[in-house]
């Protein structure tokens, strides 16, 4: 009777060499990942002749590698540091430099700032602002002229122009002088706010503080007219039948569209009422019993507030 085959105990033993080989393969290090450096900064793009120019970018390398800087299209008057990226110098003539590029490298990767230019030029002269002053009236009355002109001056003697914001619609404005003027009517009663008058020399400007104008209704006034009763006619004969007078008046001398009859010959004065504000001119004539009217007296005026 044959004996059953006994398996070789050595074949059941794990092959350590294979395990070790697999282990060594799994434990091998991953490939090294290299990070590029970064660079940032905003270089000035202008400098005046005889003035020092200075710019140094900010650079960083996450791996801690040593960084080196380089530059393309460096201005001849400037020096450049490869260790820090500093660009500095003092130009002496007016010139423009374009397409300057500062780069940084860690030996493997390169990072760059955006190209920039530097203009060497004399700065524009500083223009002083003009001054403006004045205190505009904050009230106006229907039928009366409102007018305000500010005082303005430019330190350099430059010509000035004026402008206005929120001008009342009943007023006019003069850009050459800054005068705000007008005569409000009966429908303009109210308050006009935030009016601002400004002046400019073409570069800089100045303004008065905002103000308001309140338009008030007209107040009616009166004028008292006095005269001496005539006693003779123009031919020297006695005037025996005086019956009264006529008062003529208007707002311009020589123009008298309004008249008031005075039927009492014994009066030597009369009050003309219900006059809107303004200047009025008056003349008086005498009437006799035949309806004959004398020539007009000399004109007199009265300012009614």
C-alpha atoms as a PDB file:
ATOM      1  CA  UNK A   1       0.000   0.000   0.000  1.00  0.00           C
ATOM      2  CA  UNK A   2       1.465   3.155  -1.080  1.00  0.00           C
ATOM      3  CA  UNK A   3       2.024   6.088   1.392  1.00  0.00           C
ATOM      4  CA  UNK A   4       0.098   9.335   0.870  1.00  0.00           C
ATOM      5  CA  UNK A   5       2.221  12.138  -0.467  1.00  0.00           C
ATOM      6  CA  UNK A   6       3.288  14.535   2.206  1.00  0.00           C
ATOM      7  CA  UNK A   7       3.483  18.115   0.979  1.00  0.00           C
ATOM      8  CA  UNK A   8       6.824  19.861   1.117  1.00  0.00           C
ATOM      9  CA  UNK A   9       6.652  22.068   4.185  1.00  0.00           C
ATOM     10  CA  UNK A  10       9.105  24.485   2.600  1.00  0.00           C
ATOM     11  CA  UNK A  11       6.663  25.371  -0.172  1.00  0.00           C
ATOM     12  CA  UNK A  12       4.175  26.772   2.392  1.00  0.00           C
ATOM     13  CA  UNK A  13       6.737  29.151   3.789  1.00  0.00           C
ATOM     14  CA  UNK A  14       6.211  32.700   2.398  1.00  0.00           C
ATOM     15  CA  UNK A  15       8.855  33.941   0.062  1.00  0.00           C
ATOM     16  CA  UNK A  16      10.242  36.782   2.116  1.00  0.00           C
ATOM     17  CA  UNK A  17      12.228  38.019  -0.778  1.00  0.00           C
ATOM     18  CA  UNK A  18       9.094  38.767  -2.755  1.00  0.00           C
ATOM     19  CA  UNK A  19       7.437  40.464   0.223  1.00  0.00           C
ATOM     20  CA  UNK A  20      10.492  42.532   0.843  1.00  0.00           C
ATOM     21  CA  UNK A  21      10.651  43.498  -2.782  1.00  0.00           C
ATOM     22  CA  UNK A  22       7.026  44.641  -2.751  1.00  0.00           C
ATOM     23  CA  UNK A  23       7.542  46.458   0.520  1.00  0.00           C
ATOM     24  CA  UNK A  24      10.541  48.257  -0.791  1.00  0.00           C
ATOM     25  CA  UNK A  25       8.642  49.319  -3.887  1.00  0.00           C
ATOM     26  CA  UNK A  26       5.735  50.726  -1.832  1.00  0.00           C
ATOM     27  CA  UNK A  27       8.018  52.535   0.535  1.00  0.00           C
ATOM     28  CA  UNK A  28      10.002  54.328  -2.153  1.00  0.00           C
ATOM     29  CA  UNK A  29       9.649  58.117  -1.824  1.00  0.00           C
ATOM     30  CA  UNK A  30       7.320  60.148  -4.120  1.00  0.00           C
ATOM     31  CA  UNK A  31       8.821  62.439  -6.729  1.00  0.00           C
ATOM     32  CA  UNK A  32       9.715  65.960  -5.258  1.00  0.00           C
ATOM     33  CA  UNK A  33       7.226  68.783  -6.216  1.00  0.00           C
ATOM     34  CA  UNK A  34       8.936  72.201  -6.734  1.00  0.00           C
ATOM     35  CA  UNK A  35       6.888  75.409  -6.128  1.00  0.00           C
ATOM     36  CA  UNK A  36       7.512  78.529  -8.244  1.00  0.00           C
ATOM     37  CA  UNK A  37       8.353  81.808  -6.434  1.00  0.00           C
ATOM     38  CA  UNK A  38       6.011  84.807  -6.364  1.00  0.00           C
ATOM     39  CA  UNK A  39       6.735  88.493  -6.971  1.00  0.00           C
ATOM     40  CA  UNK A  40       4.565  91.553  -6.392  1.00  0.00           C
ATOM     41  CA  UNK A  41       4.693  95.335  -6.060  1.00  0.00           C
ATOM     42  CA  UNK A  42       3.580  98.488  -7.849  1.00  0.00           C
ATOM     43  CA  UNK A  43       6.472 100.546  -9.191  1.00  0.00           C
ATOM     44  CA  UNK A  44       6.061 104.283  -9.591  1.00  0.00           C
ATOM     45  CA  UNK A  45       5.770 105.289 -13.223  1.00  0.00           C
ATOM     46  CA  UNK A  46       7.043 108.878 -12.914  1.00  0.00           C
ATOM     47  CA  UNK A  47       9.917 110.825 -11.394  1.00  0.00           C
ATOM     48  CA  UNK A  48      11.185 114.386 -11.735  1.00  0.00           C
ATOM     49  CA  UNK A  49      14.718 115.129 -12.954  1.00  0.00           C
ATOM     50  CA  UNK A  50      17.095 115.402 -10.000  1.00  0.00           C
ATOM     51  CA  UNK A  51      14.768 113.335  -7.781  1.00  0.00           C
ATOM     52  CA  UNK A  52      15.671 109.859  -6.507  1.00  0.00           C
ATOM     53  CA  UNK A  53      13.647 106.963  -7.894  1.00  0.00           C
ATOM     54  CA  UNK A  54      13.298 103.838  -5.735  1.00  0.00           C
ATOM     55  CA  UNK A  55      11.383 100.604  -6.116  1.00  0.00           C
ATOM     56  CA  UNK A  56      11.873  97.205  -4.491  1.00  0.00           C
ATOM     57  CA  UNK A  57       9.506  94.314  -5.242  1.00  0.00           C
ATOM     58  CA  UNK A  58       8.234  91.765  -2.742  1.00  0.00           C
ATOM     59  CA  UNK A  59       9.271  88.175  -3.549  1.00  0.00           C
ATOM     60  CA  UNK A  60       8.629  84.866  -1.771  1.00  0.00           C
ATOM     61  CA  UNK A  61       9.612  81.240  -2.318  1.00  0.00           C
ATOM     62  CA  UNK A  62       7.627  78.576  -0.469  1.00  0.00           C
ATOM     63  CA  UNK A  63      10.511  76.101  -0.723  1.00  0.00           C
ATOM     64  CA  UNK A  64      12.960  78.520   0.869  1.00  0.00           C
ATOM     65  CA  UNK A  65      15.163  78.498  -2.222  1.00  0.00           C
ATOM     66  CA  UNK A  66      17.623  81.320  -2.790  1.00  0.00           C
ATOM     67  CA  UNK A  67      16.134  83.909  -5.125  1.00  0.00           C
ATOM     68  CA  UNK A  68      17.880  85.936  -7.777  1.00  0.00           C
ATOM     69  CA  UNK A  69      16.417  88.928  -9.609  1.00  0.00           C
ATOM     70  CA  UNK A  70      16.912  90.191 -13.142  1.00  0.00           C
ATOM     71  CA  UNK A  71      15.674  93.145 -15.184  1.00  0.00           C
ATOM     72  CA  UNK A  72      14.992  93.882 -18.825  1.00  0.00           C
ATOM     73  CA  UNK A  73      15.171  97.387 -20.355  1.00  0.00           C
ATOM     74  CA  UNK A  74      16.748  98.988 -17.283  1.00  0.00           C
ATOM     75  CA  UNK A  75      17.088 102.790 -17.531  1.00  0.00           C
ATOM     76  CA  UNK A  76      20.719 103.826 -17.973  1.00  0.00           C
ATOM     77  CA  UNK A  77      20.577 106.175 -14.974  1.00  0.00           C
ATOM     78  CA  UNK A  78      19.380 103.453 -12.598  1.00  0.00           C
ATOM     79  CA  UNK A  79      21.158 100.652 -10.729  1.00  0.00           C
ATOM     80  CA  UNK A  80      19.671  97.209 -10.079  1.00  0.00           C
ATOM     81  CA  UNK A  81      20.315  94.684  -7.293  1.00  0.00           C
ATOM     82  CA  UNK A  82      20.160  91.026  -8.288  1.00  0.00           C
ATOM     83  CA  UNK A  83      19.903  90.052  -4.600  1.00  0.00           C
ATOM     84  CA  UNK A  84      16.898  92.252  -3.694  1.00  0.00           C
ATOM     85  CA  UNK A  85      15.400  93.396  -7.003  1.00  0.00           C
ATOM     86  CA  UNK A  86      15.883  97.035  -5.991  1.00  0.00           C
ATOM     87  CA  UNK A  87      15.728  99.532  -8.868  1.00  0.00           C
ATOM     88  CA  UNK A  88      16.994 102.997  -7.920  1.00  0.00           C
ATOM     89  CA  UNK A  89      18.736 106.058  -9.276  1.00  0.00           C
ATOM     90  CA  UNK A  90      18.484 109.774  -9.998  1.00  0.00           C
ATOM     91  CA  UNK A  91      17.654 110.807 -13.559  1.00  0.00           C
ATOM     92  CA  UNK A  92      18.891 114.159 -14.833  1.00  0.00           C
ATOM     93  CA  UNK A  93      17.065 114.608 -18.155  1.00  0.00           C
ATOM     94  CA  UNK A  94      13.513 114.341 -19.368  1.00  0.00           C
ATOM     95  CA  UNK A  95      12.965 110.932 -20.971  1.00  0.00           C
ATOM     96  CA  UNK A  96      10.476 108.054 -21.108  1.00  0.00           C
ATOM     97  CA  UNK A  97      11.418 104.392 -20.516  1.00  0.00           C
ATOM     98  CA  UNK A  98       9.062 101.616 -21.592  1.00  0.00           C
ATOM     99  CA  UNK A  99       8.578  97.869 -21.186  1.00  0.00           C
ATOM    100  CA  UNK A 100      10.705  97.487 -18.046  1.00  0.00           C
ATOM    101  CA  UNK A 101      10.349  93.954 -16.639  1.00  0.00           C
ATOM    102  CA  UNK A 102      11.667  92.753 -13.250  1.00  0.00           C
ATOM    103  CA  UNK A 103      11.851  88.963 -12.774  1.00  0.00           C
ATOM    104  CA  UNK A 104      12.754  86.587  -9.929  1.00  0.00           C
ATOM    105  CA  UNK A 105      14.004  83.002 -10.179  1.00  0.00           C
ATOM    106  CA  UNK A 106      14.634  80.164  -7.722  1.00  0.00           C
ATOM    107  CA  UNK A 107      16.904  78.425 -10.226  1.00  0.00           C
ATOM    108  CA  UNK A 108      14.071  76.393 -11.681  1.00  0.00           C
ATOM    109  CA  UNK A 109      11.034  78.626 -12.080  1.00  0.00           C
ATOM    110  CA  UNK A 110      10.720  82.304 -12.986  1.00  0.00           C
ATOM    111  CA  UNK A 111       8.057  84.864 -11.961  1.00  0.00           C
ATOM    112  CA  UNK A 112       7.726  88.353 -13.431  1.00  0.00           C
ATOM    113  CA  UNK A 113       6.078  91.668 -12.695  1.00  0.00           C
ATOM    114  CA  UNK A 114       3.912  93.144 -15.436  1.00  0.00           C
ATOM    115  CA  UNK A 115       5.920  95.392 -17.788  1.00  0.00           C
ATOM    116  CA  UNK A 116       5.945  99.048 -16.720  1.00  0.00           C
ATOM    117  CA  UNK A 117       7.355 102.370 -17.813  1.00  0.00           C
ATOM    118  CA  UNK A 118       8.996 105.325 -16.099  1.00  0.00           C
ATOM    119  CA  UNK A 119       8.474 108.876 -17.339  1.00  0.00           C
ATOM    120  CA  UNK A 120      11.056 111.419 -16.269  1.00  0.00           C
ATOM    121  CA  UNK A 121       9.370 114.818 -16.453  1.00  0.00           C
ATOM    122  CA  UNK A 122       9.114 118.069 -14.559  1.00  0.00           C
ATOM    123  CA  UNK A 123       5.959 118.131 -12.391  1.00  0.00           C
ATOM    124  CA  UNK A 124       3.122 120.381 -13.420  1.00  0.00           C
ATOM    125  CA  UNK A 125       3.107 123.674 -11.492  1.00  0.00           C
ATOM    126  CA  UNK A 126       0.784 123.768  -8.514  1.00  0.00           C
ATOM    127  CA  UNK A 127      -2.166 126.026  -9.254  1.00  0.00           C
ATOM    128  CA  UNK A 128      -3.616 127.770  -6.212  1.00  0.00           C
ATOM    129  CA  UNK A 129      -7.362 127.829  -5.790  1.00  0.00           C
ATOM    130  CA  UNK A 130      -9.251 131.112  -6.241  1.00  0.00           C
ATOM    131  CA  UNK A 131     -11.164 132.717  -3.404  1.00  0.00           C
ATOM    132  CA  UNK A 132     -14.786 133.806  -3.362  1.00  0.00           C
ATOM    133  CA  UNK A 133     -16.686 135.726  -0.700  1.00  0.00           C
ATOM    134  CA  UNK A 134     -19.845 137.698  -0.106  1.00  0.00           C
ATOM    135  CA  UNK A 135     -23.081 137.515   1.842  1.00  0.00           C
ATOM    136  CA  UNK A 136     -26.129 137.218  -0.400  1.00  0.00           C
ATOM    137  CA  UNK A 137     -29.444 138.487   0.887  1.00  0.00           C
ATOM    138  CA  UNK A 138     -31.732 135.642   1.892  1.00  0.00           C
ATOM    139  CA  UNK A 139     -34.970 137.532   1.243  1.00  0.00           C
ATOM    140  CA  UNK A 140     -36.639 139.130  -1.747  1.00  0.00           C
ATOM    141  CA  UNK A 141     -39.987 140.801  -2.297  1.00  0.00           C
ATOM    142  CA  UNK A 142     -42.404 140.553  -5.183  1.00  0.00           C
ATOM    143  CA  UNK A 143     -41.932 143.473  -7.557  1.00  0.00           C
ATOM    144  CA  UNK A 144     -38.518 144.466  -6.174  1.00  0.00           C
ATOM    145  CA  UNK A 145     -35.184 143.820  -7.862  1.00  0.00           C
ATOM    146  CA  UNK A 146     -32.947 141.238  -6.164  1.00  0.00           C
ATOM    147  CA  UNK A 147     -29.240 141.415  -6.971  1.00  0.00           C
ATOM    148  CA  UNK A 148     -26.073 139.872  -5.554  1.00  0.00           C
ATOM    149  CA  UNK A 149     -22.510 139.876  -6.915  1.00  0.00           C
ATOM    150  CA  UNK A 150     -19.786 137.909  -5.086  1.00  0.00           C
ATOM    151  CA  UNK A 151     -16.199 139.056  -4.693  1.00  0.00           C
ATOM    152  CA  UNK A 152     -13.665 136.672  -6.237  1.00  0.00           C
ATOM    153  CA  UNK A 153      -9.893 136.712  -6.712  1.00  0.00           C
ATOM    154  CA  UNK A 154      -7.282 134.399  -8.204  1.00  0.00           C
ATOM    155  CA  UNK A 155      -3.818 134.440  -6.521  1.00  0.00           C
ATOM    156  CA  UNK A 156      -2.056 134.048  -9.867  1.00  0.00           C
ATOM    157  CA  UNK A 157      -4.245 136.535 -11.669  1.00  0.00           C
ATOM    158  CA  UNK A 158      -5.863 133.864 -13.834  1.00  0.00           C
ATOM    159  CA  UNK A 159      -9.219 134.738 -15.415  1.00  0.00           C
ATOM    160  CA  UNK A 160     -12.222 133.477 -13.494  1.00  0.00           C
ATOM    161  CA  UNK A 161     -15.596 132.202 -14.595  1.00  0.00           C
ATOM    162  CA  UNK A 162     -18.642 131.645 -12.428  1.00  0.00           C
ATOM    163  CA  UNK A 163     -21.354 129.018 -12.247  1.00  0.00           C
ATOM    164  CA  UNK A 164     -24.480 128.460 -10.181  1.00  0.00           C
ATOM    165  CA  UNK A 165     -26.479 125.494  -8.948  1.00  0.00           C
ATOM    166  CA  UNK A 166     -30.207 125.640  -8.148  1.00  0.00           C
ATOM    167  CA  UNK A 167     -30.748 129.101  -9.639  1.00  0.00           C
ATOM    168  CA  UNK A 168     -34.248 130.497  -8.991  1.00  0.00           C
ATOM    169  CA  UNK A 169     -36.160 130.429 -12.275  1.00  0.00           C
ATOM    170  CA  UNK A 170     -37.173 134.090 -11.907  1.00  0.00           C
ATOM    171  CA  UNK A 171     -33.516 135.193 -11.781  1.00  0.00           C
ATOM    172  CA  UNK A 172     -30.696 135.459 -14.317  1.00  0.00           C
ATOM    173  CA  UNK A 173     -27.022 134.647 -13.750  1.00  0.00           C
ATOM    174  CA  UNK A 174     -23.918 136.208 -15.337  1.00  0.00           C
ATOM    175  CA  UNK A 175     -21.034 133.687 -15.747  1.00  0.00           C
ATOM    176  CA  UNK A 176     -18.550 136.526 -16.271  1.00  0.00           C
ATOM    177  CA  UNK A 177     -19.279 138.317 -12.984  1.00  0.00           C
ATOM    178  CA  UNK A 178     -21.240 135.861 -10.833  1.00  0.00           C
ATOM    179  CA  UNK A 179     -24.135 138.321 -10.519  1.00  0.00           C
ATOM    180  CA  UNK A 180     -27.484 136.766  -9.595  1.00  0.00           C
ATOM    181  CA  UNK A 181     -30.366 139.163 -10.232  1.00  0.00           C
ATOM    182  CA  UNK A 182     -34.049 139.271 -11.032  1.00  0.00           C
ATOM    183  CA  UNK A 183     -37.461 140.574 -10.032  1.00  0.00           C
ATOM    184  CA  UNK A 184     -39.807 137.918  -8.635  1.00  0.00           C
ATOM    185  CA  UNK A 185     -43.469 138.138  -9.579  1.00  0.00           C
ATOM    186  CA  UNK A 186     -46.619 137.403  -7.616  1.00  0.00           C
ATOM    187  CA  UNK A 187     -46.435 133.721  -8.592  1.00  0.00           C
ATOM    188  CA  UNK A 188     -42.864 133.361  -7.310  1.00  0.00           C
ATOM    189  CA  UNK A 189     -43.615 133.601  -3.587  1.00  0.00           C
ATOM    190  CA  UNK A 190     -41.772 130.821  -1.753  1.00  0.00           C
ATOM    191  CA  UNK A 191     -38.327 129.651  -0.659  1.00  0.00           C
ATOM    192  CA  UNK A 192     -35.540 128.731  -3.085  1.00  0.00           C
ATOM    193  CA  UNK A 193     -32.950 126.579  -1.295  1.00  0.00           C
ATOM    194  CA  UNK A 194     -29.434 125.216  -1.738  1.00  0.00           C
ATOM    195  CA  UNK A 195     -28.301 127.925  -4.163  1.00  0.00           C
ATOM    196  CA  UNK A 196     -24.538 127.634  -4.691  1.00  0.00           C
ATOM    197  CA  UNK A 197     -22.332 130.106  -6.586  1.00  0.00           C
ATOM    198  CA  UNK A 198     -18.860 128.871  -7.602  1.00  0.00           C
ATOM    199  CA  UNK A 199     -15.835 130.303  -9.377  1.00  0.00           C
ATOM    200  CA  UNK A 200     -13.059 128.528 -11.298  1.00  0.00           C
ATOM    201  CA  UNK A 201      -9.702 129.428 -12.815  1.00  0.00           C
ATOM    202  CA  UNK A 202      -9.891 126.466 -15.192  1.00  0.00           C
ATOM    203  CA  UNK A 203      -8.006 124.117 -12.879  1.00  0.00           C
ATOM    204  CA  UNK A 204      -9.298 124.667  -9.382  1.00  0.00           C
ATOM    205  CA  UNK A 205     -12.498 126.131  -8.001  1.00  0.00           C
ATOM    206  CA  UNK A 206     -14.064 127.623  -4.885  1.00  0.00           C
ATOM    207  CA  UNK A 207     -17.674 128.078  -3.835  1.00  0.00           C
ATOM    208  CA  UNK A 208     -19.792 130.092  -1.450  1.00  0.00           C
ATOM    209  CA  UNK A 209     -21.717 128.213   1.183  1.00  0.00           C
ATOM    210  CA  UNK A 210     -25.161 127.182  -0.089  1.00  0.00           C
ATOM    211  CA  UNK A 211     -27.881 129.729   0.677  1.00  0.00           C
ATOM    212  CA  UNK A 212     -31.620 130.204   0.263  1.00  0.00           C
ATOM    213  CA  UNK A 213     -33.786 133.083  -0.920  1.00  0.00           C
ATOM    214  CA  UNK A 214     -37.275 133.529   0.509  1.00  0.00           C
ATOM    215  CA  UNK A 215     -39.580 135.525  -1.766  1.00  0.00           C
ATOM    216  CA  UNK A 216     -42.273 137.424   0.159  1.00  0.00           C
ATOM    217  CA  UNK A 217     -45.502 138.861  -1.176  1.00  0.00           C
ATOM    218  CA  UNK A 218     -45.491 142.524  -2.129  1.00  0.00           C
ATOM    219  CA  UNK A 219     -46.506 145.063   0.509  1.00  0.00           C
ATOM    220  CA  UNK A 220     -48.449 148.025  -0.866  1.00  0.00           C
ATOM    221  CA  UNK A 221     -47.254 151.478   0.089  1.00  0.00           C
ATOM    222  CA  UNK A 222     -48.407 155.056  -0.274  1.00  0.00           C
ATOM    223  CA  UNK A 223     -47.067 158.466  -1.285  1.00  0.00           C
ATOM    224  CA  UNK A 224     -48.235 161.858  -0.005  1.00  0.00           C
ATOM    225  CA  UNK A 225     -48.304 164.591  -2.670  1.00  0.00           C
ATOM    226  CA  UNK A 226     -48.458 168.283  -1.638  1.00  0.00           C
ATOM    227  CA  UNK A 227     -48.835 171.445  -3.714  1.00  0.00           C
ATOM    228  CA  UNK A 228     -49.644 175.149  -3.546  1.00  0.00           C
ATOM    229  CA  UNK A 229     -53.091 176.101  -4.954  1.00  0.00           C
ATOM    230  CA  UNK A 230     -52.805 178.418  -7.998  1.00  0.00           C
ATOM    231  CA  UNK A 231     -54.336 181.913  -7.674  1.00  0.00           C
ATOM    232  CA  UNK A 232     -53.783 183.284 -11.179  1.00  0.00           C
ATOM    233  CA  UNK A 233     -53.946 182.084 -14.724  1.00  0.00           C
ATOM    234  CA  UNK A 234     -50.933 181.974 -17.046  1.00  0.00           C
ATOM    235  CA  UNK A 235     -51.917 185.405 -18.456  1.00  0.00           C
ATOM    236  CA  UNK A 236     -51.826 186.929 -14.960  1.00  0.00           C
ATOM    237  CA  UNK A 237     -55.552 187.281 -14.488  1.00  0.00           C
ATOM    238  CA  UNK A 238     -57.073 186.002 -11.207  1.00  0.00           C
ATOM    239  CA  UNK A 239     -58.213 182.372 -11.032  1.00  0.00           C
ATOM    240  CA  UNK A 240     -61.661 182.536  -9.500  1.00  0.00           C
ATOM    241  CA  UNK A 241     -63.255 179.243 -10.503  1.00  0.00           C
ATOM    242  CA  UNK A 242     -60.774 176.569  -9.418  1.00  0.00           C
ATOM    243  CA  UNK A 243     -62.655 173.251  -9.160  1.00  0.00           C
ATOM    244  CA  UNK A 244     -59.994 170.675  -8.410  1.00  0.00           C
ATOM    245  CA  UNK A 245     -56.803 168.888  -9.415  1.00  0.00           C
ATOM    246  CA  UNK A 246     -55.446 165.810 -11.214  1.00  0.00           C
ATOM    247  CA  UNK A 247     -52.451 163.833  -9.951  1.00  0.00           C
ATOM    248  CA  UNK A 248     -50.573 161.897 -12.619  1.00  0.00           C
ATOM    249  CA  UNK A 249     -47.957 159.261 -11.762  1.00  0.00           C
ATOM    250  CA  UNK A 250     -45.831 156.439 -13.141  1.00  0.00           C
ATOM    251  CA  UNK A 251     -42.601 154.538 -12.557  1.00  0.00           C
ATOM    252  CA  UNK A 252     -40.542 156.539 -15.090  1.00  0.00           C
ATOM    253  CA  UNK A 253     -40.026 160.273 -15.271  1.00  0.00           C
ATOM    254  CA  UNK A 254     -42.058 161.732 -18.130  1.00  0.00           C
ATOM    255  CA  UNK A 255     -44.355 158.716 -18.341  1.00  0.00           C
ATOM    256  CA  UNK A 256     -47.498 159.039 -16.201  1.00  0.00           C
ATOM    257  CA  UNK A 257     -50.100 156.449 -17.215  1.00  0.00           C
ATOM    258  CA  UNK A 258     -51.988 156.647 -13.920  1.00  0.00           C
ATOM    259  CA  UNK A 259     -54.128 159.521 -12.662  1.00  0.00           C
ATOM    260  CA  UNK A 260     -56.147 160.375  -9.581  1.00  0.00           C
ATOM    261  CA  UNK A 261     -58.806 163.142  -9.671  1.00  0.00           C
ATOM    262  CA  UNK A 262     -59.021 165.439  -6.649  1.00  0.00           C
ATOM    263  CA  UNK A 263     -62.434 167.198  -6.716  1.00  0.00           C
ATOM    264  CA  UNK A 264     -61.870 169.425  -3.659  1.00  0.00           C
ATOM    265  CA  UNK A 265     -60.137 172.690  -4.653  1.00  0.00           C
ATOM    266  CA  UNK A 266     -59.405 173.457  -1.005  1.00  0.00           C
ATOM    267  CA  UNK A 267     -56.972 170.516  -0.608  1.00  0.00           C
ATOM    268  CA  UNK A 268     -53.217 171.066  -0.748  1.00  0.00           C
ATOM    269  CA  UNK A 269     -52.158 167.442  -0.299  1.00  0.00           C
ATOM    270  CA  UNK A 270     -53.338 163.957  -1.230  1.00  0.00           C
ATOM    271  CA  UNK A 271     -52.267 160.410  -0.343  1.00  0.00           C
ATOM    272  CA  UNK A 272     -51.906 158.024  -3.293  1.00  0.00           C
ATOM    273  CA  UNK A 273     -52.346 154.514  -1.898  1.00  0.00           C
ATOM    274  CA  UNK A 274     -51.987 150.858  -2.930  1.00  0.00           C
ATOM    275  CA  UNK A 275     -48.609 151.355  -4.570  1.00  0.00           C
ATOM    276  CA  UNK A 276     -46.421 148.243  -5.022  1.00  0.00           C
ATOM    277  CA  UNK A 277     -42.783 148.739  -4.018  1.00  0.00           C
ATOM    278  CA  UNK A 278     -40.785 150.850  -6.450  1.00  0.00           C
ATOM    279  CA  UNK A 279     -39.882 154.395  -7.436  1.00  0.00           C
ATOM    280  CA  UNK A 280     -42.757 156.619  -8.589  1.00  0.00           C
ATOM    281  CA  UNK A 281     -42.828 160.015 -10.317  1.00  0.00           C
ATOM    282  CA  UNK A 282     -45.706 162.470  -9.761  1.00  0.00           C
ATOM    283  CA  UNK A 283     -46.997 165.679 -11.387  1.00  0.00           C
ATOM    284  CA  UNK A 284     -50.127 167.757 -10.560  1.00  0.00           C
ATOM    285  CA  UNK A 285     -52.450 169.875 -12.736  1.00  0.00           C
ATOM    286  CA  UNK A 286     -55.249 172.301 -11.791  1.00  0.00           C
ATOM    287  CA  UNK A 287     -58.795 172.429 -13.298  1.00  0.00           C
ATOM    288  CA  UNK A 288     -61.185 175.394 -13.547  1.00  0.00           C
ATOM    289  CA  UNK A 289     -64.953 175.459 -13.845  1.00  0.00           C
ATOM    290  CA  UNK A 290     -64.781 175.360 -17.635  1.00  0.00           C
ATOM    291  CA  UNK A 291     -62.806 172.104 -17.555  1.00  0.00           C
ATOM    292  CA  UNK A 292     -59.610 173.832 -18.641  1.00  0.00           C
ATOM    293  CA  UNK A 293     -56.538 172.010 -17.310  1.00  0.00           C
ATOM    294  CA  UNK A 294     -53.261 173.695 -16.476  1.00  0.00           C
ATOM    295  CA  UNK A 295     -49.836 172.539 -17.577  1.00  0.00           C
ATOM    296  CA  UNK A 296     -48.191 169.921 -15.390  1.00  0.00           C
ATOM    297  CA  UNK A 297     -46.215 170.910 -12.356  1.00  0.00           C
ATOM    298  CA  UNK A 298     -42.594 170.001 -11.905  1.00  0.00           C
ATOM    299  CA  UNK A 299     -42.097 166.250 -11.326  1.00  0.00           C
ATOM    300  CA  UNK A 300     -41.298 164.821  -7.922  1.00  0.00           C
ATOM    301  CA  UNK A 301     -40.360 161.230  -7.041  1.00  0.00           C
ATOM    302  CA  UNK A 302     -40.933 158.882  -4.122  1.00  0.00           C
ATOM    303  CA  UNK A 303     -39.402 155.474  -3.324  1.00  0.00           C
ATOM    304  CA  UNK A 304     -42.084 153.175  -1.985  1.00  0.00           C
ATOM    305  CA  UNK A 305     -40.927 150.219   0.134  1.00  0.00           C
END
